[in-house]
Amino acid sequence: MTELIITSKEDLQLLIQASVKKAFEEYKHHSEPDDAFLNAQEAADFIKRSINSLYRYTSNGQIPFIKRNGKNLTFRKSELKKWLLEGKQKSIAEIEQELGRKS
C-alpha cells in the first residue's frame, strides 16, 4: 500500500536542497585529488581525530602542515595520507615476505 505524505512547498524545497547538498558533499569528498588542500577541520575529519588533537600534532611538529602569515593552518591531503601510513604496523606476512626477499 502506498502512503501519501502531505507537506508544504517550503518544506519540500528544504528537503530537496538538503538532499542535493548532501549528494554534492559526498561527490566532492570522493572526487578530491590527493594533492588537494584541506583546512584544519577537513584535515581533522580526514585523519579521524578531533580538531584539538590536530592542533596538538601541529604544535608538537608531529604532522605536516602549512602556515602562511601566522594565520590559518592548511594541510595537503597527500601528505596526511603519507603521515598516516608511516604509523602502519607491518603484518607478520609482510615481515616474512621482506625477510624472504633479503635472504
C-alpha atoms as a PDB file:
ATOM      1  CA  MET A   1       0.000   0.000   0.000  1.00  0.00           C
ATOM      2  CA  THR A   2       1.359   3.443  -0.961  1.00  0.00           C
ATOM      3  CA  GLU A   3       1.437   6.015   1.794  1.00  0.00           C
ATOM      4  CA  LEU A   4       0.549   9.601   0.884  1.00  0.00           C
ATOM      5  CA  ILE A   5       2.564  12.288   2.631  1.00  0.00           C
ATOM      6  CA  ILE A   6       1.385  15.882   2.606  1.00  0.00           C
ATOM      7  CA  THR A   7       3.923  18.660   3.111  1.00  0.00           C
ATOM      8  CA  SER A   8       4.247  22.362   2.419  1.00  0.00           C
ATOM      9  CA  LYS A   9       6.039  23.749  -0.604  1.00  0.00           C
ATOM     10  CA  GLU A  10       8.684  25.307   1.667  1.00  0.00           C
ATOM     11  CA  ASP A  11       9.360  22.043   3.491  1.00  0.00           C
ATOM     12  CA  LEU A  12       9.666  20.208   0.178  1.00  0.00           C
ATOM     13  CA  GLN A  13      12.138  22.823  -1.093  1.00  0.00           C
ATOM     14  CA  LEU A  14      14.225  22.487   2.089  1.00  0.00           C
ATOM     15  CA  LEU A  15      14.227  18.702   1.796  1.00  0.00           C
ATOM     16  CA  ILE A  16      15.356  18.857  -1.835  1.00  0.00           C
ATOM     17  CA  GLN A  17      18.062  21.439  -1.042  1.00  0.00           C
ATOM     18  CA  ALA A  18      19.387  19.347   1.845  1.00  0.00           C
ATOM     19  CA  SER A  19      19.438  16.209  -0.325  1.00  0.00           C
ATOM     20  CA  VAL A  20      21.275  17.956  -3.162  1.00  0.00           C
ATOM     21  CA  LYS A  21      23.784  19.490  -0.726  1.00  0.00           C
ATOM     22  CA  LYS A  22      24.465  16.089   0.861  1.00  0.00           C
ATOM     23  CA  ALA A  23      24.928  14.443  -2.534  1.00  0.00           C
ATOM     24  CA  PHE A  24      27.292  17.206  -3.651  1.00  0.00           C
ATOM     25  CA  GLU A  25      29.378  16.944  -0.470  1.00  0.00           C
ATOM     26  CA  GLU A  26      29.674  13.168  -0.881  1.00  0.00           C
ATOM     27  CA  TYR A  27      30.691  13.597  -4.523  1.00  0.00           C
ATOM     28  CA  LYS A  28      33.203  16.316  -3.621  1.00  0.00           C
ATOM     29  CA  HIS A  29      34.705  14.165  -0.859  1.00  0.00           C
ATOM     30  CA  HIS A  30      35.182  11.176  -3.164  1.00  0.00           C
ATOM     31  CA  SER A  31      36.434  13.157  -6.156  1.00  0.00           C
ATOM     32  CA  GLU A  32      39.069  15.294  -4.402  1.00  0.00           C
ATOM     33  CA  PRO A  33      42.554  14.751  -5.754  1.00  0.00           C
ATOM     34  CA  ASP A  34      45.244  13.589  -3.346  1.00  0.00           C
ATOM     35  CA  ASP A  35      47.058  16.904  -3.693  1.00  0.00           C
ATOM     36  CA  ALA A  36      44.014  18.884  -2.537  1.00  0.00           C
ATOM     37  CA  PHE A  37      44.465  21.403   0.237  1.00  0.00           C
ATOM     38  CA  LEU A  38      42.395  20.981   3.396  1.00  0.00           C
ATOM     39  CA  ASN A  39      41.587  23.405   6.183  1.00  0.00           C
ATOM     40  CA  ALA A  40      42.054  22.336   9.804  1.00  0.00           C
ATOM     41  CA  GLN A  41      38.545  20.920  10.240  1.00  0.00           C
ATOM     42  CA  GLU A  42      38.719  18.995   6.948  1.00  0.00           C
ATOM     43  CA  ALA A  43      42.136  17.625   7.927  1.00  0.00           C
ATOM     44  CA  ALA A  44      40.857  16.552  11.358  1.00  0.00           C
ATOM     45  CA  ASP A  45      37.899  14.823   9.700  1.00  0.00           C
ATOM     46  CA  PHE A  46      40.201  13.144   7.167  1.00  0.00           C
ATOM     47  CA  ILE A  47      42.527  11.678   9.798  1.00  0.00           C
ATOM     48  CA  LYS A  48      39.538  10.909  12.038  1.00  0.00           C
ATOM     49  CA  ARG A  49      40.830  12.871  15.026  1.00  0.00           C
ATOM     50  CA  SER A  50      39.441  15.809  16.965  1.00  0.00           C
ATOM     51  CA  ILE A  51      40.421  19.328  15.994  1.00  0.00           C
ATOM     52  CA  ASN A  52      42.196  19.630  19.368  1.00  0.00           C
ATOM     53  CA  SER A  53      44.309  16.551  18.580  1.00  0.00           C
ATOM     54  CA  LEU A  54      45.176  18.017  15.188  1.00  0.00           C
ATOM     55  CA  TYR A  55      46.341  21.279  16.776  1.00  0.00           C
ATOM     56  CA  ARG A  56      48.376  19.307  19.325  1.00  0.00           C
ATOM     57  CA  TYR A  57      50.047  17.363  16.489  1.00  0.00           C
ATOM     58  CA  THR A  58      50.940  20.622  14.726  1.00  0.00           C
ATOM     59  CA  SER A  59      52.296  22.317  17.846  1.00  0.00           C
ATOM     60  CA  ASN A  60      54.455  19.240  18.577  1.00  0.00           C
ATOM     61  CA  GLY A  61      55.667  19.086  14.963  1.00  0.00           C
ATOM     62  CA  GLN A  62      54.206  15.614  14.524  1.00  0.00           C
ATOM     63  CA  ILE A  63      52.147  16.288  11.397  1.00  0.00           C
ATOM     64  CA  PRO A  64      52.946  18.153   8.160  1.00  0.00           C
ATOM     65  CA  PHE A  65      51.144  21.471   7.696  1.00  0.00           C
ATOM     66  CA  ILE A  66      51.407  24.850   6.004  1.00  0.00           C
ATOM     67  CA  LYS A  67      51.014  28.120   7.854  1.00  0.00           C
ATOM     68  CA  ARG A  68      51.183  31.410   5.970  1.00  0.00           C
ATOM     69  CA  ASN A  69      51.466  34.825   7.620  1.00  0.00           C
ATOM     70  CA  GLY A  70      50.893  33.411  11.100  1.00  0.00           C
ATOM     71  CA  LYS A  71      47.261  32.677  10.248  1.00  0.00           C
ATOM     72  CA  ASN A  72      45.247  29.644   9.243  1.00  0.00           C
ATOM     73  CA  LEU A  73      46.672  26.150   9.007  1.00  0.00           C
ATOM     74  CA  THR A  74      46.456  24.322   5.702  1.00  0.00           C
ATOM     75  CA  PHE A  75      47.160  20.666   5.048  1.00  0.00           C
ATOM     76  CA  ARG A  76      47.918  18.760   1.851  1.00  0.00           C
ATOM     77  CA  LYS A  77      45.816  15.619   1.636  1.00  0.00           C
ATOM     78  CA  SER A  78      48.632  13.559   0.076  1.00  0.00           C
ATOM     79  CA  GLU A  79      50.969  14.460   2.955  1.00  0.00           C
ATOM     80  CA  LEU A  80      48.331  13.483   5.511  1.00  0.00           C
ATOM     81  CA  LYS A  81      47.916  10.101   3.789  1.00  0.00           C
ATOM     82  CA  LYS A  82      51.682   9.577   3.885  1.00  0.00           C
ATOM     83  CA  TRP A  83      51.771  10.591   7.568  1.00  0.00           C
ATOM     84  CA  LEU A  84      49.018   8.087   8.386  1.00  0.00           C
ATOM     85  CA  LEU A  85      50.813   5.291   6.542  1.00  0.00           C
ATOM     86  CA  GLU A  86      54.083   5.998   8.374  1.00  0.00           C
ATOM     87  CA  GLY A  87      52.413   4.684  11.510  1.00  0.00           C
ATOM     88  CA  LYS A  88      51.312   1.446   9.828  1.00  0.00           C
ATOM     89  CA  GLN A  89      52.479  -1.671  11.627  1.00  0.00           C
ATOM     90  CA  LYS A  90      53.614  -4.448   9.322  1.00  0.00           C
ATOM     91  CA  SER A  91      51.836  -7.770   9.468  1.00  0.00           C
ATOM     92  CA  ILE A  92      53.737 -10.993  10.137  1.00  0.00           C
ATOM     93  CA  ALA A  93      53.214 -11.958   6.499  1.00  0.00           C
ATOM     94  CA  GLU A  94      54.750  -8.663   5.321  1.00  0.00           C
ATOM     95  CA  ILE A  95      57.765  -9.122   7.608  1.00  0.00           C
ATOM     96  CA  GLU A  96      58.261 -12.701   6.481  1.00  0.00           C
ATOM     97  CA  GLN A  97      57.967 -11.617   2.843  1.00  0.00           C
ATOM     98  CA  GLU A  98      60.653  -8.957   3.390  1.00  0.00           C
ATOM     99  CA  LEU A  99      62.925 -11.452   5.108  1.00  0.00           C
ATOM    100  CA  GLY A 100      62.440 -13.902   2.261  1.00  0.00           C
ATOM    101  CA  ARG A 101      63.473 -11.295  -0.276  1.00  0.00           C
ATOM    102  CA  LYS A 102      66.544 -10.248   1.711  1.00  0.00           C
ATOM    103  CA  SER A 103      67.807 -13.827   2.163  1.00  0.00           C
END
